Amino acid sequence: MIRTNIVKLTTLQAMAYRQKLKAGDIGIVIVRPDKSQPGIAAVNKKTGELTLLKNINEKDYPIDAFKEAMELTYGLPFKKQGSIKVTKEMFVEPVNEEEEEEITINEAAYQKILDHYTDKNGKLSYSLINKEMIKFAKSSSIVRDMIADGKSAGNIRDYITYNKFRNIACDLNMPDKEVGKIIELLDETDPKGIFKELNSELRKMLNTKK
């Protein structure tokens, strides 16, 4: 069982620990999963110098690995048990379950949104987007209720934009993640933020109700 007096190295795929040597010096032991023979170096108590014991192959157990092991095990108790078993599985990085999942979007729906907000010059108009969103905000009874209930500007903005984009894309069942991804793609092209004017207007509407 790996205990707290055993450390994992970064310079080498191996584990290491401190052990007393018969000569009285401190021993640094490195165990690799692919080698049956551990690497051992002695640390001189007076000078702190590392010396590989005889028959230790420096290619398998480089001195830099021993230096790291000496630093990581400094102050830790000596390991009294026998040799440890080290496997390759100990060095497999765990899968991050919270890693952002890849979200795909419906290209046809995305194109409809782009076409809807493209101006006469053939450019995506953020002014047109905000103008339409603000008009929706001021005419929606649900938005008025959300403001009265003290909902945040972010929550109200999401309600407005998600519903408008679904309607334009003719897909009322479009998942929130997909709508959010479309907004993210649009937002990347505007350093000021795609809904800057809408956010400002929502803050005014919220302040008016206070």
C-alpha atoms as a PDB file:
ATOM      1  CA  MET A   1       0.000   0.000   0.000  1.00  0.00           C
ATOM      2  CA  ILE A   2       1.359   3.416  -0.970  1.00  0.00           C
ATOM      3  CA  ARG A   3       1.696   5.524   2.156  1.00  0.00           C
ATOM      4  CA  THR A   4       2.354   9.198   2.623  1.00  0.00           C
ATOM      5  CA  ASN A   5       6.091   8.592   3.017  1.00  0.00           C
ATOM      6  CA  ILE A   6       6.226   7.530  -0.630  1.00  0.00           C
ATOM      7  CA  VAL A   7       6.163  10.189  -3.353  1.00  0.00           C
ATOM      8  CA  LYS A   8       5.533  10.214  -7.085  1.00  0.00           C
ATOM      9  CA  LEU A   9       8.226  11.734  -9.280  1.00  0.00           C
ATOM     10  CA  THR A  10       7.751  13.984 -12.295  1.00  0.00           C
ATOM     11  CA  THR A  11      11.219  13.641 -13.820  1.00  0.00           C
ATOM     12  CA  LEU A  12      10.726   9.896 -14.075  1.00  0.00           C
ATOM     13  CA  GLN A  13       7.744   7.547 -14.066  1.00  0.00           C
ATOM     14  CA  ALA A  14       8.567   6.181 -10.653  1.00  0.00           C
ATOM     15  CA  MET A  15       7.899   6.316  -6.915  1.00  0.00           C
ATOM     16  CA  ALA A  16      10.477   7.203  -4.295  1.00  0.00           C
ATOM     17  CA  TYR A  17      11.040   7.080  -0.546  1.00  0.00           C
ATOM     18  CA  ARG A  18      13.725   7.536   2.123  1.00  0.00           C
ATOM     19  CA  GLN A  19      15.357   4.597   3.859  1.00  0.00           C
ATOM     20  CA  LYS A  20      18.188   4.238   6.359  1.00  0.00           C
ATOM     21  CA  LEU A  21      21.323   2.568   5.033  1.00  0.00           C
ATOM     22  CA  LYS A  22      23.608   0.325   7.048  1.00  0.00           C
ATOM     23  CA  ALA A  23      26.470   2.813   6.789  1.00  0.00           C
ATOM     24  CA  GLY A  24      24.304   5.380   8.587  1.00  0.00           C
ATOM     25  CA  ASP A  25      23.648   7.543   5.575  1.00  0.00           C
ATOM     26  CA  ILE A  26      20.212   8.369   4.229  1.00  0.00           C
ATOM     27  CA  GLY A  27      19.164   6.266   1.280  1.00  0.00           C
ATOM     28  CA  ILE A  28      16.929   7.537  -1.517  1.00  0.00           C
ATOM     29  CA  VAL A  29      15.130   4.637  -3.169  1.00  0.00           C
ATOM     30  CA  ILE A  30      13.445   4.940  -6.574  1.00  0.00           C
ATOM     31  CA  VAL A  31      11.143   2.218  -7.857  1.00  0.00           C
ATOM     32  CA  ARG A  32      10.091   2.023 -11.498  1.00  0.00           C
ATOM     33  CA  PRO A  33       7.170  -0.085 -12.762  1.00  0.00           C
ATOM     34  CA  ASP A  34       9.240  -1.405 -15.670  1.00  0.00           C
ATOM     35  CA  LYS A  35      12.345  -2.350 -13.690  1.00  0.00           C
ATOM     36  CA  SER A  36      12.683  -5.204 -11.208  1.00  0.00           C
ATOM     37  CA  GLN A  37      15.736  -3.644  -9.550  1.00  0.00           C
ATOM     38  CA  PRO A  38      15.149  -0.360  -7.650  1.00  0.00           C
ATOM     39  CA  GLY A  39      17.592   2.515  -7.881  1.00  0.00           C
ATOM     40  CA  ILE A  40      19.318   3.572  -4.679  1.00  0.00           C
ATOM     41  CA  ALA A  41      21.489   6.563  -3.888  1.00  0.00           C
ATOM     42  CA  ALA A  42      23.133   7.513  -0.613  1.00  0.00           C
ATOM     43  CA  VAL A  43      22.893  11.044   0.768  1.00  0.00           C
ATOM     44  CA  ASN A  44      25.921  12.152   2.755  1.00  0.00           C
ATOM     45  CA  LYS A  45      24.642  13.609   6.058  1.00  0.00           C
ATOM     46  CA  LYS A  46      27.390  16.232   6.200  1.00  0.00           C
ATOM     47  CA  THR A  47      27.615  17.389   2.589  1.00  0.00           C
ATOM     48  CA  GLY A  48      24.185  16.400   1.241  1.00  0.00           C
ATOM     49  CA  GLU A  49      25.867  14.913  -1.824  1.00  0.00           C
ATOM     50  CA  LEU A  50      24.183  12.073  -3.667  1.00  0.00           C
ATOM     51  CA  THR A  51      26.115   8.942  -4.578  1.00  0.00           C
ATOM     52  CA  LEU A  52      24.593   6.119  -6.588  1.00  0.00           C
ATOM     53  CA  LEU A  53      25.222   2.718  -5.095  1.00  0.00           C
ATOM     54  CA  LYS A  54      27.186   0.158  -7.093  1.00  0.00           C
ATOM     55  CA  ASN A  55      25.488  -1.547 -10.038  1.00  0.00           C
ATOM     56  CA  ILE A  56      22.856   1.201 -10.325  1.00  0.00           C
ATOM     57  CA  ASN A  57      22.440   2.190 -13.973  1.00  0.00           C
ATOM     58  CA  GLU A  58      22.331   5.967 -14.241  1.00  0.00           C
ATOM     59  CA  LYS A  59      20.453   5.720 -17.557  1.00  0.00           C
ATOM     60  CA  ASP A  60      17.601   3.962 -15.764  1.00  0.00           C
ATOM     61  CA  TYR A  61      17.903   6.101 -12.655  1.00  0.00           C
ATOM     62  CA  PRO A  62      19.287   9.543 -13.587  1.00  0.00           C
ATOM     63  CA  ILE A  63      20.756  11.761 -10.924  1.00  0.00           C
ATOM     64  CA  ASP A  64      18.088  14.424 -11.554  1.00  0.00           C
ATOM     65  CA  ALA A  65      15.433  11.918 -10.499  1.00  0.00           C
ATOM     66  CA  PHE A  66      17.296  11.342  -7.224  1.00  0.00           C
ATOM     67  CA  LYS A  67      17.580  15.087  -6.663  1.00  0.00           C
ATOM     68  CA  GLU A  68      13.831  15.485  -7.105  1.00  0.00           C
ATOM     69  CA  ALA A  69      13.196  12.488  -4.845  1.00  0.00           C
ATOM     70  CA  MET A  70      15.473  13.960  -2.178  1.00  0.00           C
ATOM     71  CA  GLU A  71      13.558  17.262  -2.256  1.00  0.00           C
ATOM     72  CA  LEU A  72      10.118  15.638  -2.227  1.00  0.00           C
ATOM     73  CA  THR A  73      10.932  13.256   0.599  1.00  0.00           C
ATOM     74  CA  TYR A  74      12.716  15.829   2.748  1.00  0.00           C
ATOM     75  CA  GLY A  75      11.260  15.725   6.238  1.00  0.00           C
ATOM     76  CA  LEU A  76       9.229  12.588   5.580  1.00  0.00           C
ATOM     77  CA  PRO A  77       9.684   9.518   7.809  1.00  0.00           C
ATOM     78  CA  PHE A  78      11.881   6.668   6.700  1.00  0.00           C
ATOM     79  CA  LYS A  79      10.112   3.731   5.134  1.00  0.00           C
ATOM     80  CA  LYS A  80      10.537   0.692   7.346  1.00  0.00           C
ATOM     81  CA  GLN A  81       8.604  -1.890   5.336  1.00  0.00           C
ATOM     82  CA  GLY A  82      10.059  -3.975   2.539  1.00  0.00           C
ATOM     83  CA  SER A  83      10.027  -3.168  -1.138  1.00  0.00           C
ATOM     84  CA  ILE A  84       6.912  -1.679  -2.685  1.00  0.00           C
ATOM     85  CA  LYS A  85       5.076  -2.764  -5.806  1.00  0.00           C
ATOM     86  CA  VAL A  86       4.781  -0.056  -8.421  1.00  0.00           C
ATOM     87  CA  THR A  87       2.581  -0.500 -11.475  1.00  0.00           C
ATOM     88  CA  LYS A  88       2.072   1.585 -14.613  1.00  0.00           C
ATOM     89  CA  GLU A  89      -1.559   2.154 -13.603  1.00  0.00           C
ATOM     90  CA  MET A  90      -0.332   4.383 -10.783  1.00  0.00           C
ATOM     91  CA  PHE A  91       0.794   6.928 -13.361  1.00  0.00           C
ATOM     92  CA  VAL A  92      -2.326   7.036 -15.515  1.00  0.00           C
ATOM     93  CA  GLU A  93      -3.898  10.479 -15.296  1.00  0.00           C
ATOM     94  CA  PRO A  94      -7.522  10.308 -14.088  1.00  0.00           C
ATOM     95  CA  VAL A  95     -10.198  11.331 -16.542  1.00  0.00           C
ATOM     96  CA  ASN A  96     -11.627  14.726 -15.721  1.00  0.00           C
ATOM     97  CA  GLU A  97     -15.354  14.095 -15.750  1.00  0.00           C
ATOM     98  CA  GLU A  98     -15.980  17.825 -15.605  1.00  0.00           C
ATOM     99  CA  GLU A  99     -14.041  18.422 -18.801  1.00  0.00           C
ATOM    100  CA  GLU A 100     -16.056  20.504 -21.193  1.00  0.00           C
ATOM    101  CA  GLU A 101     -17.977  18.302 -23.588  1.00  0.00           C
ATOM    102  CA  GLU A 102     -17.879  18.952 -27.299  1.00  0.00           C
ATOM    103  CA  ILE A 103     -21.116  20.614 -28.383  1.00  0.00           C
ATOM    104  CA  THR A 104     -22.236  20.372 -31.986  1.00  0.00           C
ATOM    105  CA  ILE A 105     -24.630  22.820 -33.585  1.00  0.00           C
ATOM    106  CA  ASN A 106     -27.127  22.521 -36.404  1.00  0.00           C
ATOM    107  CA  GLU A 107     -25.483  24.354 -39.300  1.00  0.00           C
ATOM    108  CA  ALA A 108     -28.818  25.126 -40.971  1.00  0.00           C
ATOM    109  CA  ALA A 109     -30.179  26.690 -37.771  1.00  0.00           C
ATOM    110  CA  TYR A 110     -26.970  28.689 -37.294  1.00  0.00           C
ATOM    111  CA  GLN A 111     -27.156  29.936 -40.879  1.00  0.00           C
ATOM    112  CA  LYS A 112     -30.761  31.083 -40.413  1.00  0.00           C
ATOM    113  CA  ILE A 113     -29.683  33.187 -37.439  1.00  0.00           C
ATOM    114  CA  LEU A 114     -26.787  34.669 -39.400  1.00  0.00           C
ATOM    115  CA  ASP A 115     -29.021  35.453 -42.375  1.00  0.00           C
ATOM    116  CA  HIS A 116     -31.660  37.051 -40.159  1.00  0.00           C
ATOM    117  CA  TYR A 117     -29.170  39.505 -38.660  1.00  0.00           C
ATOM    118  CA  THR A 118     -27.168  40.258 -41.800  1.00  0.00           C
ATOM    119  CA  ASP A 119     -27.454  43.868 -42.948  1.00  0.00           C
ATOM    120  CA  LYS A 120     -27.771  45.247 -46.502  1.00  0.00           C
ATOM    121  CA  ASN A 121     -23.996  45.232 -46.861  1.00  0.00           C
ATOM    122  CA  GLY A 122     -23.834  41.522 -46.185  1.00  0.00           C
ATOM    123  CA  LYS A 123     -22.319  41.905 -42.717  1.00  0.00           C
ATOM    124  CA  LEU A 124     -23.549  40.518 -39.421  1.00  0.00           C
ATOM    125  CA  SER A 125     -25.148  43.447 -37.598  1.00  0.00           C
ATOM    126  CA  TYR A 126     -24.784  43.430 -33.815  1.00  0.00           C
ATOM    127  CA  SER A 127     -26.793  46.631 -33.724  1.00  0.00           C
ATOM    128  CA  LEU A 128     -29.691  44.816 -35.376  1.00  0.00           C
ATOM    129  CA  ILE A 129     -29.402  41.937 -32.925  1.00  0.00           C
ATOM    130  CA  ASN A 130     -29.538  44.238 -29.906  1.00  0.00           C
ATOM    131  CA  LYS A 131     -32.288  46.401 -31.344  1.00  0.00           C
ATOM    132  CA  GLU A 132     -34.535  43.387 -31.868  1.00  0.00           C
ATOM    133  CA  MET A 133     -33.719  41.879 -28.482  1.00  0.00           C
ATOM    134  CA  ILE A 134     -34.444  45.149 -26.689  1.00  0.00           C
ATOM    135  CA  LYS A 135     -37.754  45.486 -28.527  1.00  0.00           C
ATOM    136  CA  PHE A 136     -38.676  41.977 -27.385  1.00  0.00           C
ATOM    137  CA  ALA A 137     -37.653  42.785 -23.801  1.00  0.00           C
ATOM    138  CA  LYS A 138     -39.876  45.851 -23.644  1.00  0.00           C
ATOM    139  CA  SER A 139     -42.918  44.108 -25.156  1.00  0.00           C
ATOM    140  CA  SER A 140     -42.757  40.798 -23.266  1.00  0.00           C
ATOM    141  CA  SER A 141     -45.056  40.339 -20.287  1.00  0.00           C
ATOM    142  CA  ILE A 142     -42.853  37.476 -19.110  1.00  0.00           C
ATOM    143  CA  VAL A 143     -39.850  39.780 -19.031  1.00  0.00           C
ATOM    144  CA  ARG A 144     -41.893  42.277 -16.989  1.00  0.00           C
ATOM    145  CA  ASP A 145     -42.777  39.507 -14.545  1.00  0.00           C
ATOM    146  CA  MET A 146     -39.128  38.417 -14.319  1.00  0.00           C
ATOM    147  CA  ILE A 147     -38.108  41.990 -13.517  1.00  0.00           C
ATOM    148  CA  ALA A 148     -40.860  42.238 -10.882  1.00  0.00           C
ATOM    149  CA  ASP A 149     -39.654  38.968  -9.356  1.00  0.00           C
ATOM    150  CA  GLY A 150     -36.122  40.342  -9.067  1.00  0.00           C
ATOM    151  CA  LYS A 151     -34.491  38.041 -11.613  1.00  0.00           C
ATOM    152  CA  SER A 152     -30.950  38.926 -12.601  1.00  0.00           C
ATOM    153  CA  ALA A 153     -30.079  40.655 -15.868  1.00  0.00           C
ATOM    154  CA  GLY A 154     -28.253  37.502 -16.937  1.00  0.00           C
ATOM    155  CA  ASN A 155     -31.301  35.301 -16.413  1.00  0.00           C
ATOM    156  CA  ILE A 156     -33.554  37.725 -18.272  1.00  0.00           C
ATOM    157  CA  ARG A 157     -31.050  38.067 -21.128  1.00  0.00           C
ATOM    158  CA  ASP A 158     -30.877  34.288 -21.474  1.00  0.00           C
ATOM    159  CA  TYR A 159     -34.662  34.034 -21.630  1.00  0.00           C
ATOM    160  CA  ILE A 160     -34.819  36.671 -24.369  1.00  0.00           C
ATOM    161  CA  THR A 161     -31.919  35.502 -26.509  1.00  0.00           C
ATOM    162  CA  TYR A 162     -32.598  31.778 -26.250  1.00  0.00           C
ATOM    163  CA  ASN A 163     -36.247  32.216 -27.256  1.00  0.00           C
ATOM    164  CA  LYS A 164     -35.473  34.615 -30.092  1.00  0.00           C
ATOM    165  CA  PHE A 165     -32.765  32.390 -31.531  1.00  0.00           C
ATOM    166  CA  ARG A 166     -34.993  29.311 -31.320  1.00  0.00           C
ATOM    167  CA  ASN A 167     -37.776  31.139 -33.141  1.00  0.00           C
ATOM    168  CA  ILE A 168     -35.464  32.409 -35.864  1.00  0.00           C
ATOM    169  CA  ALA A 169     -33.948  28.939 -36.308  1.00  0.00           C
ATOM    170  CA  CYS A 170     -37.463  27.418 -36.444  1.00  0.00           C
ATOM    171  CA  ASP A 171     -36.430  24.938 -33.785  1.00  0.00           C
ATOM    172  CA  LEU A 172     -38.273  25.473 -30.506  1.00  0.00           C
ATOM    173  CA  ASN A 173     -36.706  22.303 -29.061  1.00  0.00           C
ATOM    174  CA  MET A 174     -33.106  23.365 -29.625  1.00  0.00           C
ATOM    175  CA  PRO A 175     -31.169  22.410 -26.454  1.00  0.00           C
ATOM    176  CA  ASP A 176     -29.865  25.207 -24.234  1.00  0.00           C
ATOM    177  CA  LYS A 177     -26.294  24.014 -24.767  1.00  0.00           C
ATOM    178  CA  GLU A 178     -26.634  24.347 -28.530  1.00  0.00           C
ATOM    179  CA  VAL A 179     -28.150  27.831 -28.321  1.00  0.00           C
ATOM    180  CA  GLY A 180     -25.406  28.797 -25.879  1.00  0.00           C
ATOM    181  CA  LYS A 181     -22.773  27.531 -28.293  1.00  0.00           C
ATOM    182  CA  ILE A 182     -24.228  29.620 -31.127  1.00  0.00           C
ATOM    183  CA  ILE A 183     -24.146  32.699 -28.895  1.00  0.00           C
ATOM    184  CA  GLU A 184     -20.564  31.864 -27.952  1.00  0.00           C
ATOM    185  CA  LEU A 185     -19.569  31.662 -31.622  1.00  0.00           C
ATOM    186  CA  LEU A 186     -21.195  35.001 -32.379  1.00  0.00           C
ATOM    187  CA  ASP A 187     -19.676  36.589 -29.284  1.00  0.00           C
ATOM    188  CA  GLU A 188     -16.139  35.606 -30.328  1.00  0.00           C
ATOM    189  CA  THR A 189     -16.243  38.009 -33.273  1.00  0.00           C
ATOM    190  CA  ASP A 190     -17.168  41.057 -31.190  1.00  0.00           C
ATOM    191  CA  PRO A 191     -14.585  42.200 -28.603  1.00  0.00           C
ATOM    192  CA  LYS A 192     -17.200  44.423 -26.921  1.00  0.00           C
ATOM    193  CA  GLY A 193     -19.606  41.547 -26.374  1.00  0.00           C
ATOM    194  CA  ILE A 194     -22.537  40.709 -28.614  1.00  0.00           C
ATOM    195  CA  PHE A 195     -25.223  41.847 -26.119  1.00  0.00           C
ATOM    196  CA  LYS A 196     -23.583  44.994 -24.774  1.00  0.00           C
ATOM    197  CA  GLU A 197     -26.560  47.249 -25.594  1.00  0.00           C
ATOM    198  CA  LEU A 198     -29.103  44.677 -24.415  1.00  0.00           C
ATOM    199  CA  ASN A 199     -27.295  44.241 -21.108  1.00  0.00           C
ATOM    200  CA  SER A 200     -27.247  47.999 -20.602  1.00  0.00           C
ATOM    201  CA  GLU A 201     -30.971  48.293 -21.316  1.00  0.00           C
ATOM    202  CA  LEU A 202     -31.837  45.428 -18.965  1.00  0.00           C
ATOM    203  CA  ARG A 203     -29.880  47.077 -16.155  1.00  0.00           C
ATOM    204  CA  LYS A 204     -31.883  50.281 -16.719  1.00  0.00           C
ATOM    205  CA  MET A 205     -35.156  48.352 -16.641  1.00  0.00           C
ATOM    206  CA  LEU A 206     -34.140  46.609 -13.410  1.00  0.00           C
ATOM    207  CA  ASN A 207     -33.061  49.867 -11.777  1.00  0.00           C
ATOM    208  CA  THR A 208     -36.355  51.502 -12.714  1.00  0.00           C
ATOM    209  CA  LYS A 209     -38.273  48.808 -10.799  1.00  0.00           C
ATOM    210  CA  LYS A 210     -36.242  49.305  -7.605  1.00  0.00           C
END
